């Protein structure tokens, strides 16, 4: 097997890598019949010279590779027909902006293995950047609040060498008595909670958060049962919510009245209720000033109706005017500031890439080397010009009917 690490082609550019130079060397050491090459790129967090120093060949033409690995979506004109690709395709939730990408993958007879659906037999994801998305999302939520209020200045995560530098900065920070509500308890949510704790911000229970006042910065982390409830008034059942989210309603309103910052780190089903409506955001009791939407599903099909677009690392914040539901200049008194970067781990690329590569080597590479693998089969979105076994539900989406 010959594996090629492709140059990231999506705009804005991403500097993460699926495998670091050291990890490539380790793979070759442990798999003597494998080849591994890297397409040259000026923008990687681990430069070409790092791979060359470890005797990993640089090759512009990857046409003879069996497997091609990237991070973000591959531009259509850069897809090589009849290859196996690993990348985050952002098609499995019927994202309209990537419909043509999936069509091209099918037309070019590409086997697409999507990192997002590489799972074990219990359905748990085996590889993800989610922890680092949550970490950077929490950092950026505080950064945005500081810029909005002028109460403190926080260095951007992208300007730190690594997370160790960010942690050193946190030790010197003095936070005002702000209140943060964090949604989600998966990789994203736990990554965000880690940063808030490293910042020295006190965690309190949802009940304490709603009922008490504090003269220090605090945050609370919500589970599903804290922000949704069955419409029929029965008790919350997690399994039932996951299977039938359309039968639930939002009960998030009390947190909108008691929070300065919201960090959204849930996995959201399109049929689930949004946390609140644009009309809710116009009310005087809506206190949230900053929303760091790590989930970043774009409105109108979104858990956050003010997520009108994905922002960028270069331009991370936009304002939302609830009175007319439109984008506005950031940091105005009558707007809510939105941080919606959709490639947040790229602000912490070295740490994120290293962790991602470790997961790939431990969980995915052994499956890739098998003649048959259920792990790989479950994540195969397309193969032989057809949708994969578990992705027939995308047929109408591909045809443009939904």
Protein backbone atom coordinates (compact mmCIF):
# COMPACT_ATOMS: atom_id res chain seq x y z
CA UNK A 1 0.00 0.00 0.00
CA UNK A 2 1.19 3.48 -0.86
CA UNK A 3 -0.29 6.35 1.13
CA UNK A 4 -0.04 9.97 0.06
CA UNK A 5 -0.66 12.97 2.32
CA UNK A 6 -2.25 15.59 0.10
CA UNK A 7 -1.80 19.34 0.16
CA UNK A 8 -4.84 21.08 1.66
CA UNK A 9 -6.64 22.88 -1.15
CA UNK A 10 -9.70 24.37 0.51
CA UNK A 11 -9.97 28.13 1.02
CA UNK A 12 -9.37 29.45 3.63
CA UNK A 13 -6.25 27.30 3.94
CA UNK A 14 -5.81 24.76 6.73
CA UNK A 15 -2.40 24.04 8.20
CA UNK A 16 -3.26 20.78 9.99
CA UNK A 17 -1.90 17.42 8.85
CA UNK A 18 -3.41 13.95 9.30
CA UNK A 19 0.02 12.54 10.21
CA UNK A 20 3.08 14.33 11.58
CA UNK A 21 6.54 13.63 10.21
CA UNK A 22 7.45 11.54 13.27
CA UNK A 23 4.24 9.52 12.94
CA UNK A 24 4.98 8.86 9.26
CA UNK A 25 8.41 7.55 10.21
CA UNK A 26 6.90 5.31 12.89
CA UNK A 27 4.37 3.87 10.43
CA UNK A 28 7.11 3.00 7.92
CA UNK A 29 9.26 1.46 10.64
CA UNK A 30 6.42 -0.83 11.73
CA UNK A 31 5.12 -1.64 8.22
CA UNK A 32 7.99 -2.55 5.94
CA UNK A 33 5.79 -3.20 2.89
CA UNK A 34 4.14 0.21 3.04
CA UNK A 35 5.16 3.41 1.25
CA UNK A 36 4.27 6.88 2.44
CA UNK A 37 4.82 10.15 0.55
CA UNK A 38 3.88 13.78 1.13
CA UNK A 39 2.73 16.34 -1.41
CA UNK A 40 4.76 19.54 -0.87
CA UNK A 41 2.91 22.39 0.83
CA UNK A 42 4.12 25.77 2.10
CA UNK A 43 1.34 26.11 4.67
CA UNK A 44 1.60 23.07 6.94
CA UNK A 45 2.24 23.47 10.66
CA UNK A 46 4.88 20.77 10.19
CA UNK A 47 6.92 22.03 7.21
CA UNK A 48 8.18 19.94 4.29
CA UNK A 49 11.65 19.96 5.79
CA UNK A 50 10.39 18.05 8.83
CA UNK A 51 9.29 15.18 6.57
CA UNK A 52 12.50 15.29 4.54
CA UNK A 53 14.59 15.09 7.72
CA UNK A 54 12.81 11.83 8.55
CA UNK A 55 13.32 10.48 5.00
CA UNK A 56 9.67 10.84 4.01
CA UNK A 57 9.69 11.55 0.24
CA UNK A 58 8.05 14.68 -1.16
CA UNK A 59 6.11 13.99 -4.35
CA UNK A 60 3.97 16.44 -6.31
CA UNK A 61 2.30 13.73 -8.39
CA UNK A 62 0.32 11.33 -6.18
CA UNK A 63 -1.22 9.44 -9.08
CA UNK A 64 0.38 6.13 -8.10
CA UNK A 65 -0.84 6.24 -4.48
CA UNK A 66 -3.50 3.79 -3.32
CA UNK A 67 -4.78 5.95 -0.45
CA UNK A 68 -4.83 9.74 -0.21
CA UNK A 69 -5.22 11.44 3.16
CA UNK A 70 -6.23 15.04 3.84
CA UNK A 71 -8.11 16.97 6.49
CA UNK A 72 -10.71 19.31 4.95
CA UNK A 73 -12.80 18.85 1.80
CA UNK A 74 -10.80 18.37 -1.39
CA UNK A 75 -11.65 20.86 -4.16
CA UNK A 76 -13.43 19.10 -7.02
CA UNK A 77 -10.78 19.98 -9.58
CA UNK A 78 -8.10 18.40 -7.39
CA UNK A 79 -9.81 15.02 -6.96
CA UNK A 80 -7.93 12.14 -8.60
CA UNK A 81 -10.30 9.52 -10.06
CA UNK A 82 -10.34 5.90 -8.88
CA UNK A 83 -8.56 6.57 -5.58
CA UNK A 84 -9.39 5.96 -1.94
CA UNK A 85 -9.62 9.23 0.00
CA UNK A 86 -9.80 10.01 3.70
CA UNK A 87 -11.08 13.48 4.63
CA UNK A 88 -13.93 15.30 6.35
CA UNK A 89 -16.43 15.65 3.50
CA UNK A 90 -19.24 17.47 5.35
CA UNK A 91 -21.84 15.73 3.21
CA UNK A 92 -23.39 13.17 5.58
CA UNK A 93 -25.87 15.69 7.02
CA UNK A 94 -26.93 16.67 3.47
CA UNK A 95 -24.99 19.92 3.55
CA UNK A 96 -26.13 21.73 0.42
CA UNK A 97 -22.81 23.51 -0.08
CA UNK A 98 -21.04 20.17 -0.63
CA UNK A 99 -23.63 18.45 -2.80
CA UNK A 100 -21.51 18.96 -5.94
CA UNK A 101 -18.48 17.54 -4.14
CA UNK A 102 -20.27 14.26 -3.43
CA UNK A 103 -21.59 14.16 -6.98
CA UNK A 104 -18.03 14.54 -8.29
CA UNK A 105 -16.78 11.81 -5.96
CA UNK A 106 -19.39 9.42 -7.36
CA UNK A 107 -18.68 10.45 -10.95
CA UNK A 108 -14.94 9.97 -10.51
CA UNK A 109 -15.37 6.49 -9.00
CA UNK A 110 -13.69 7.58 -5.76
CA UNK A 111 -13.90 5.57 -2.57
CA UNK A 112 -14.54 8.16 0.15
CA UNK A 113 -13.90 7.22 3.76
CA UNK A 114 -15.11 10.03 5.99
CA UNK A 115 -13.30 10.47 9.32
CA UNK A 116 -16.54 11.66 10.92
CA UNK A 117 -18.17 8.24 10.65
CA UNK A 118 -15.26 6.01 11.61
CA UNK A 119 -16.80 4.35 14.65
CA UNK A 120 -16.49 1.23 16.80
CA UNK A 121 -19.21 -1.40 17.15
CA UNK A 122 -20.95 0.73 19.80
CA UNK A 123 -21.12 3.73 17.48
CA UNK A 124 -18.44 5.75 19.27
CA UNK A 125 -16.19 7.82 17.02
CA UNK A 126 -12.62 6.59 16.79
CA UNK A 127 -10.93 9.70 15.40
CA UNK A 128 -11.78 13.38 15.69
CA UNK A 129 -10.49 16.91 16.15
CA UNK A 130 -13.45 17.73 18.39
CA UNK A 131 -11.50 18.21 21.61
CA UNK A 132 -9.35 20.88 19.99
CA UNK A 133 -12.35 22.56 18.35
CA UNK A 134 -13.85 22.89 21.82
CA UNK A 135 -10.61 24.16 23.31
CA UNK A 136 -10.15 26.88 20.71
CA UNK A 137 -13.87 27.67 20.72
CA UNK A 138 -13.84 28.37 24.46
CA UNK A 139 -10.71 30.50 24.14
CA UNK A 140 -12.25 32.48 21.29
CA UNK A 141 -15.48 32.99 23.21
CA UNK A 142 -13.52 34.72 25.97
CA UNK A 143 -11.41 36.61 23.41
CA UNK A 144 -14.59 37.91 21.76
CA UNK A 145 -16.08 39.01 25.07
CA UNK A 146 -12.89 40.87 25.93
CA UNK A 147 -12.91 42.64 22.58
CA UNK A 148 -16.58 43.52 22.96
CA UNK A 149 -16.41 44.88 26.51
CA UNK A 150 -12.82 46.12 26.78
CA UNK A 151 -12.60 44.48 30.21
CA UNK A 152 -9.52 42.42 29.32
CA UNK A 153 -7.27 41.48 26.41
CA UNK A 154 -6.62 37.87 25.47
CA UNK A 155 -4.03 36.81 22.91
CA UNK A 156 -5.46 34.81 20.01
CA UNK A 157 -4.85 31.07 20.18
CA UNK A 158 -3.52 31.16 16.61
CA UNK A 159 -0.73 33.45 17.79
CA UNK A 160 0.41 30.99 20.47
CA UNK A 161 3.01 28.37 19.54
CA UNK A 162 0.97 25.68 21.29
CA UNK A 163 -1.44 25.14 24.13
CA UNK A 164 1.34 25.27 26.72
CA UNK A 165 1.83 28.95 25.84
CA UNK A 166 -1.91 29.60 26.13
CA UNK A 167 -1.99 27.98 29.59
CA UNK A 168 0.85 30.21 30.73
CA UNK A 169 -1.17 33.24 29.59
CA UNK A 170 -4.24 32.05 31.50
CA UNK A 171 -2.29 32.06 34.76
CA UNK A 172 -1.78 35.82 34.41
CA UNK A 173 -5.37 36.68 33.47
CA UNK A 174 -7.83 38.43 35.79
CA UNK A 175 -11.39 37.65 34.73
CA UNK A 176 -14.40 39.81 35.54
CA UNK A 177 -17.50 38.25 37.11
CA UNK A 178 -18.85 36.87 33.86
CA UNK A 179 -21.15 33.89 33.38
CA UNK A 180 -20.68 31.20 30.72
CA UNK A 181 -23.09 28.47 29.66
CA UNK A 182 -21.47 25.55 27.83
CA UNK A 183 -23.61 23.02 25.97
CA UNK A 184 -22.45 19.49 25.17
CA UNK A 185 -20.52 16.77 26.98
CA UNK A 186 -18.78 15.06 24.07
CA UNK A 187 -15.28 15.72 22.77
CA UNK A 188 -16.08 19.34 21.92
CA UNK A 189 -17.76 20.06 25.23
CA UNK A 190 -15.02 18.43 27.28
CA UNK A 191 -12.34 20.29 25.33
CA UNK A 192 -14.09 23.58 26.06
CA UNK A 193 -14.51 22.69 29.74
CA UNK A 194 -10.81 21.85 29.96
CA UNK A 195 -9.86 25.33 28.78
CA UNK A 196 -12.34 27.08 31.07
CA UNK A 197 -10.92 25.16 34.03
CA UNK A 198 -7.34 25.91 32.96
CA UNK A 199 -8.39 29.57 32.83
CA UNK A 200 -9.26 29.29 36.50
CA UNK A 201 -12.99 29.81 35.87
CA UNK A 202 -15.10 28.07 38.49
CA UNK A 203 -17.52 25.35 37.40
CA UNK A 204 -20.95 25.23 39.05
CA UNK A 205 -23.94 22.95 38.55
CA UNK A 206 -26.81 24.04 36.30
CA UNK A 207 -29.02 24.48 39.37
CA UNK A 208 -26.45 26.63 41.16
CA UNK A 209 -25.86 28.62 37.99
CA UNK A 210 -29.54 29.55 37.63
CA UNK A 211 -30.25 30.19 41.30
CA UNK A 212 -27.12 31.85 42.67
CA UNK A 213 -25.21 35.09 42.08
CA UNK A 214 -21.41 35.20 41.96
CA UNK A 215 -18.70 37.83 42.28
CA UNK A 216 -16.31 35.72 40.17
CA UNK A 217 -16.30 34.18 36.71
CA UNK A 218 -18.28 30.92 36.56
CA UNK A 219 -19.44 28.42 33.98
CA UNK A 220 -21.87 25.55 33.83
CA UNK A 221 -21.85 22.59 31.44
CA UNK A 222 -25.23 21.34 30.24
CA UNK A 223 -26.29 17.83 29.27
CA UNK A 224 -29.21 17.20 26.91
CA UNK A 225 -31.67 16.93 29.80
CA UNK A 226 -30.79 20.46 30.84
CA UNK A 227 -31.83 22.12 27.58
CA UNK A 228 -34.58 19.93 26.03
CA UNK A 229 -37.69 18.19 27.34
CA UNK A 230 -40.42 16.00 25.79
CA UNK A 231 -43.29 18.00 24.32
CA UNK A 232 -45.77 15.60 25.96
CA UNK A 233 -44.56 16.45 29.47
CA UNK A 234 -43.10 13.02 30.23
CA UNK A 235 -39.68 12.45 31.78
CA UNK A 236 -36.55 12.98 29.68
CA UNK A 237 -35.09 9.82 28.15
CA UNK A 238 -31.72 10.24 26.46
CA UNK A 239 -32.17 7.30 24.07
CA UNK A 240 -35.62 8.53 23.08
CA UNK A 241 -34.28 12.03 22.43
CA UNK A 242 -31.55 10.68 20.16
CA UNK A 243 -34.04 8.53 18.25
CA UNK A 244 -36.91 11.05 18.04
CA UNK A 245 -35.53 14.58 18.57
CA UNK A 246 -38.54 16.10 16.79
CA UNK A 247 -40.72 15.17 19.78
CA UNK A 248 -38.71 17.45 22.11
CA UNK A 249 -38.81 21.18 22.84
CA UNK A 250 -36.17 23.62 24.07
CA UNK A 251 -36.08 24.51 27.78
CA UNK A 252 -32.93 26.60 27.40
CA UNK A 253 -34.59 30.00 28.03
CA UNK A 254 -33.50 30.40 31.70
CA UNK A 255 -29.85 30.19 30.63
CA UNK A 256 -30.29 32.94 28.03
CA UNK A 257 -31.35 35.22 30.87
CA UNK A 258 -28.41 34.41 33.15
CA UNK A 259 -25.44 34.18 30.75
CA UNK A 260 -22.97 36.59 29.19
CA UNK A 261 -21.35 34.00 26.92
CA UNK A 262 -22.71 30.84 25.32
CA UNK A 263 -20.34 28.16 24.02
CA UNK A 264 -22.23 25.66 21.86
CA UNK A 265 -20.54 22.28 21.58
CA UNK A 266 -23.36 19.83 20.88
CA UNK A 267 -23.83 17.40 18.02
CA UNK A 268 -27.10 18.65 16.56
CA UNK A 269 -29.69 16.62 14.67
CA UNK A 270 -31.58 18.60 12.03
CA UNK A 271 -34.88 17.49 13.58
CA UNK A 272 -33.98 18.68 17.08
CA UNK A 273 -35.29 22.00 18.45
CA UNK A 274 -33.13 25.10 18.25
CA UNK A 275 -32.05 26.54 21.60
CA UNK A 276 -34.02 29.74 20.95
CA UNK A 277 -35.53 31.79 18.14
CA UNK A 278 -34.53 35.11 16.63
CA UNK A 279 -37.62 36.58 18.28
CA UNK A 280 -36.38 35.33 21.66
CA UNK A 281 -33.12 37.17 21.02
CA UNK A 282 -34.94 40.50 20.71
CA UNK A 283 -36.37 40.34 24.22
CA UNK A 284 -34.89 42.49 27.00
CA UNK A 285 -34.29 39.47 29.23
CA UNK A 286 -32.04 37.81 26.62
CA UNK A 287 -28.65 38.54 28.25
CA UNK A 288 -26.19 36.62 26.06
CA UNK A 289 -23.73 39.00 24.41
CA UNK A 290 -21.34 36.50 22.79
CA UNK A 291 -22.04 33.12 21.18
CA UNK A 292 -19.11 30.86 20.33
CA UNK A 293 -20.86 28.33 18.11
CA UNK A 294 -18.39 25.47 17.75
CA UNK A 295 -21.17 23.27 16.32
CA UNK A 296 -21.55 25.77 13.46
CA UNK A 297 -24.56 24.40 11.63
CA UNK A 298 -25.62 27.22 9.32
CA UNK A 299 -29.08 28.76 9.74
CA UNK A 300 -31.92 28.26 9.04
CA UNK A 301 -31.25 24.57 9.83
CA UNK A 302 -29.25 25.21 12.97
CA UNK A 303 -29.33 24.95 16.74
CA UNK A 304 -28.38 28.67 16.84
CA UNK A 305 -30.51 30.85 14.52
CA UNK A 306 -27.91 33.64 14.46
CA UNK A 307 -25.24 31.39 12.91
CA UNK A 308 -25.69 32.93 9.48
CA UNK A 309 -22.30 31.79 8.19
CA UNK A 310 -18.99 30.31 9.19
CA UNK A 311 -16.50 32.99 10.16
CA UNK A 312 -12.79 32.59 9.51
CA UNK A 313 -9.60 32.55 11.53
CA UNK A 314 -8.60 35.78 9.77
CA UNK A 315 -11.98 37.41 10.51
CA UNK A 316 -13.38 35.47 13.48
CA UNK A 317 -16.35 37.53 14.67
CA UNK A 318 -19.43 39.06 13.10
CA UNK A 319 -22.38 40.82 14.66
CA UNK A 320 -25.99 39.64 14.53
CA UNK A 321 -28.83 42.13 14.73
CA UNK A 322 -31.86 40.35 16.27
CA UNK A 323 -34.23 43.15 15.33
CA UNK A 324 -33.99 42.29 11.62
CA UNK A 325 -32.17 38.93 11.66
CA UNK A 326 -29.22 40.15 9.62
CA UNK A 327 -25.45 40.30 9.87
CA UNK A 328 -24.02 43.51 11.31
CA UNK A 329 -20.72 45.01 12.36
CA UNK A 330 -19.29 43.27 15.43
CA UNK A 331 -19.00 44.75 18.91
CA UNK A 332 -22.06 47.01 18.85
CA UNK A 333 -24.38 47.44 21.82
CA UNK A 334 -27.50 46.41 19.87
CA UNK A 335 -25.94 43.25 18.33
CA UNK A 336 -24.87 39.83 19.56
CA UNK A 337 -21.34 38.82 18.62
CA UNK A 338 -20.96 35.51 16.80
CA UNK A 339 -17.75 33.45 16.69
CA UNK A 340 -18.47 30.65 14.19
CA UNK A 341 -15.12 29.52 12.80
CA UNK A 342 -15.61 26.06 11.26
CA UNK A 343 -11.96 24.96 11.37
CA UNK A 344 -11.14 25.92 14.94
CA UNK A 345 -8.49 23.21 15.51
CA UNK A 346 -6.41 24.98 12.88
CA UNK A 347 -5.67 27.65 15.49
CA UNK A 348 -3.90 24.94 17.49
CA UNK A 349 -2.61 22.90 14.57
CA UNK A 350 0.47 21.20 16.01
CA UNK A 351 -1.28 19.83 19.12
CA UNK A 352 -4.38 18.89 17.12
CA UNK A 353 -2.46 17.15 14.31
CA UNK A 354 -0.35 15.14 16.73
CA UNK A 355 -3.41 13.88 18.63
CA UNK A 356 -5.30 13.11 15.41
CA UNK A 357 -2.39 11.11 13.98
CA UNK A 358 -2.11 9.10 17.18
CA UNK A 359 -5.78 8.14 16.87
CA UNK A 360 -5.33 7.18 13.22
CA UNK A 361 -2.35 4.94 13.97
CA UNK A 362 -4.04 3.27 16.93
CA UNK A 363 -7.58 2.79 15.62
CA UNK A 364 -7.77 3.24 11.84
CA UNK A 365 -4.53 2.05 10.24
CA UNK A 366 -4.93 -1.55 11.50
CA UNK A 367 -8.44 -1.62 9.99
CA UNK A 368 -7.19 -0.18 6.69
CA UNK A 369 -4.65 -2.98 6.42
CA UNK A 370 -7.33 -5.69 6.79
CA UNK A 371 -8.84 -7.27 3.69
CA UNK A 372 -12.29 -6.58 5.16
CA UNK A 373 -13.14 -4.14 7.92
CA UNK A 374 -16.53 -3.21 9.33
CA UNK A 375 -15.01 0.00 10.71
CA UNK A 376 -13.97 1.06 7.21
CA UNK A 377 -17.20 -0.19 5.63
CA UNK A 378 -19.33 1.87 8.05
CA UNK A 379 -17.42 5.02 7.07
CA UNK A 380 -17.39 4.44 3.30
CA UNK A 381 -19.68 7.18 1.99
CA UNK A 382 -19.03 6.32 -1.66
CA UNK A 383 -17.45 3.41 -3.57
CA UNK A 384 -17.53 2.16 -7.16
CA UNK A 385 -19.61 5.09 -8.28
CA UNK A 386 -22.35 4.33 -5.73
CA UNK A 387 -23.22 5.53 -2.26
CA UNK A 388 -21.86 3.32 0.50
CA UNK A 389 -23.84 0.64 2.25
CA UNK A 390 -24.99 2.92 5.10
CA UNK A 391 -25.48 6.08 3.04
CA UNK A 392 -28.39 5.31 0.77
CA UNK A 393 -30.33 8.04 2.58
CA UNK A 394 -28.22 10.57 0.61
CA UNK A 395 -29.71 9.52 -2.76
CA UNK A 396 -32.30 12.32 -2.92
CA UNK A 397 -29.71 14.80 -1.65
CA UNK A 398 -27.34 13.85 -4.46
CA UNK A 399 -30.12 14.21 -7.02
CA UNK A 400 -30.92 17.69 -5.69
CA UNK A 401 -34.37 16.72 -4.46
CA UNK A 402 -33.67 17.67 -0.83
